[in-house]
Every structure is written in C-alpha cells, then in structure tokens.
Amino acid sequence: MSRQTMHAVRQRRKALGLVQMNVWIHEDDKDDFQKAVAPFRDRGRQIEQDAREEPLEFVPFTYLVRFPSVPPAAVRNSMKASGWIYDRDGDVWKRPVSEESVEAIRQEAVTLKLQHQAVTDYDWH
C-alpha cells in the first residue's frame, strides 16, 4: 500500500471515530488478549463496513495521459475526436471526467496505456 493510500485509510478511519491501539503483551497472554479485544475489533470493522455501504459523492477529476514518444497521428486524431485536449506546455493529454463518463474514459485511458505505453495520472478539481 502506498504512503498516500495508507494516509487516506487512516484519515477515513479517524473521521469515523476509530483509533488505532498498538500494545505489546507477553506471548502467554496472547489468546486471552485476542478474546478480550475481539468485540472492539469487530465493532470497528462493522463501523467501517457500514460507512462503505453509504454512497460516496463523486468528485470530478481530469485524466492525464503522457506518452513516451509522439503517438501516431491516427491515435492523436481519435483522442481529439473523443474529447481529449493536448496541453503543449505540460506535454500531456487531458480529459475532464464526469460521473456519467468515468467508466468509458477509464477504459480509453487503459487502452492507451496498454497499446502505447502511456502513463496515466489524475488531476483532482
């Protein structure tokens, strides 16, 4: 798990009122300790599960695609036709994503990545 991902997990859990408790115990006490904390652990897991079931608000973002070399003209023309915009200053292709278009654009970005060794990134608004 990346540093940013772990930070996001910690922030989400903190927002839910969950706290991490690390303790050192003697090996002989391990079974008793696990039995004693099981209800608290299970409650924390249930709180996280309940929070995941709530619909998340979609946050608009922009897909960014960079190519290691100039893609063929057919690829560039196809990208322009489907709404990609080339930013010369950043040498990057950009495409705003809405909740309705996210899956189609994701598939398009994955195809560009696989077929043309493009690098994908995101710009959050």
Protein backbone atom coordinates (compact mmCIF):
# COMPACT_ATOMS: atom_id res chain seq x y z
CA MET A 1 0.00 0.00 0.00
CA SER A 2 1.42 3.39 -0.94
CA ARG A 3 2.03 6.13 1.57
CA GLN A 4 -0.79 8.24 0.13
CA THR A 5 -3.22 5.32 0.20
CA MET A 6 -2.35 4.43 3.81
CA HIS A 7 -2.73 8.10 4.78
CA ALA A 8 -6.19 8.16 3.16
CA VAL A 9 -7.19 4.99 5.04
CA ARG A 10 -6.04 6.48 8.34
CA GLN A 11 -7.91 9.74 7.65
CA ARG A 12 -11.11 7.84 6.73
CA ARG A 13 -10.91 5.76 9.91
CA LYS A 14 -10.19 8.84 12.01
CA ALA A 15 -13.25 10.57 10.54
CA LEU A 16 -15.32 7.55 11.61
CA GLY A 17 -14.09 7.97 15.19
CA LEU A 18 -11.82 4.91 15.06
CA VAL A 19 -8.43 4.95 16.78
CA GLN A 20 -5.51 2.59 16.37
CA MET A 21 -4.29 0.86 19.52
CA ASN A 22 -0.92 -0.87 19.44
CA VAL A 23 0.20 -2.65 22.56
CA TRP A 24 2.88 -5.14 23.46
CA ILE A 25 1.83 -8.14 25.51
CA HIS A 26 3.52 -11.28 26.71
CA GLU A 27 3.21 -14.30 24.40
CA ASP A 28 1.44 -16.28 27.14
CA ASP A 29 -1.34 -13.64 27.27
CA LYS A 30 -1.96 -13.58 23.52
CA ASP A 31 -5.07 -15.82 23.42
CA ASP A 32 -6.72 -14.08 26.36
CA PHE A 33 -5.93 -10.68 24.90
CA GLN A 34 -7.39 -11.58 21.48
CA LYS A 35 -10.58 -12.86 23.12
CA ALA A 36 -10.87 -9.68 25.19
CA VAL A 37 -10.41 -7.26 22.26
CA ALA A 38 -12.45 -9.24 19.71
CA PRO A 39 -15.73 -7.36 20.39
CA PHE A 40 -13.97 -4.00 19.97
CA ARG A 41 -12.20 -5.10 16.78
CA ASP A 42 -15.45 -6.47 15.36
CA ARG A 43 -17.29 -3.22 16.17
CA GLY A 44 -14.59 -1.21 14.39
CA ARG A 45 -14.88 -3.45 11.34
CA GLN A 46 -18.66 -3.09 11.36
CA ILE A 47 -18.40 0.71 11.53
CA GLU A 48 -16.07 0.67 8.51
CA GLN A 49 -18.36 -1.72 6.62
CA ASP A 50 -21.42 0.43 7.30
CA ALA A 51 -19.55 3.52 6.09
CA ARG A 52 -18.55 1.76 2.85
CA GLU A 53 -22.17 0.95 2.09
CA GLU A 54 -23.05 4.66 2.06
CA PRO A 55 -22.81 6.07 -1.46
CA LEU A 56 -19.71 8.18 -1.96
CA GLU A 57 -20.04 11.59 -3.52
CA PHE A 58 -18.40 11.69 -6.95
CA VAL A 59 -15.55 14.16 -7.16
CA PRO A 60 -14.92 15.39 -10.71
CA PHE A 61 -11.35 14.98 -11.94
CA THR A 62 -9.29 15.13 -15.11
CA TYR A 63 -7.49 12.17 -16.61
CA LEU A 64 -3.93 12.97 -17.68
CA VAL A 65 -2.12 10.83 -20.26
CA ARG A 66 1.55 11.16 -21.18
CA PHE A 67 3.23 9.23 -23.95
CA PRO A 68 6.92 8.25 -24.02
CA SER A 69 7.04 9.38 -27.65
CA VAL A 70 4.64 11.10 -30.02
CA PRO A 71 1.73 8.74 -30.70
CA PRO A 72 0.72 8.04 -34.29
CA ALA A 73 -1.50 10.63 -36.00
CA ALA A 74 -4.44 8.20 -36.04
CA VAL A 75 -4.25 7.90 -32.24
CA ARG A 76 -3.97 11.66 -31.76
CA ASN A 77 -6.91 12.31 -34.10
CA SER A 78 -9.02 9.69 -32.36
CA MET A 79 -8.24 11.22 -28.98
CA LYS A 80 -9.18 14.71 -30.19
CA ALA A 81 -12.42 13.36 -31.66
CA SER A 82 -13.42 11.76 -28.35
CA GLY A 83 -12.73 14.89 -26.30
CA TRP A 84 -9.09 14.71 -25.24
CA ILE A 85 -7.24 18.03 -25.23
CA TYR A 86 -3.49 18.27 -25.79
CA ASP A 87 -1.67 20.65 -23.42
CA ARG A 88 1.58 21.59 -25.16
CA ASP A 89 3.02 23.29 -22.07
CA GLY A 90 2.76 20.13 -20.00
CA ASP A 91 3.14 17.71 -22.92
CA VAL A 92 0.08 15.90 -21.61
CA TRP A 93 -3.35 14.90 -22.92
CA LYS A 94 -6.25 15.88 -20.63
CA ARG A 95 -9.85 14.77 -20.43
CA PRO A 96 -12.36 16.01 -17.82
CA VAL A 97 -14.34 13.19 -16.24
CA SER A 98 -17.91 13.33 -15.03
CA GLU A 99 -19.81 10.71 -13.10
CA GLU A 100 -21.53 9.62 -16.31
CA SER A 101 -18.32 9.35 -18.36
CA VAL A 102 -15.90 7.89 -15.82
CA GLU A 103 -16.09 4.26 -16.92
CA ALA A 104 -15.78 4.94 -20.66
CA ILE A 105 -12.85 7.31 -20.17
CA ARG A 106 -11.15 4.87 -17.79
CA GLN A 107 -11.37 2.16 -20.45
CA GLU A 108 -9.99 4.53 -23.07
CA ALA A 109 -7.06 5.51 -20.81
CA VAL A 110 -6.28 1.86 -20.06
CA THR A 111 -6.25 1.08 -23.77
CA LEU A 112 -3.84 3.97 -24.42
CA LYS A 113 -1.65 2.74 -21.60
CA LEU A 114 -1.52 -0.82 -22.85
CA GLN A 115 -1.22 -0.16 -26.58
CA HIS A 116 1.08 2.86 -26.49
CA GLN A 117 2.93 2.63 -23.14
CA ALA A 118 1.19 5.81 -21.99
CA VAL A 119 1.35 6.89 -18.36
CA THR A 120 -1.95 7.84 -16.76
CA ASP A 121 -2.48 10.20 -13.86
CA TYR A 122 -5.28 12.29 -12.35
CA ASP A 123 -5.82 15.94 -11.60
CA TRP A 124 -8.42 16.42 -8.88
CA HIS A 125 -10.51 19.58 -9.07
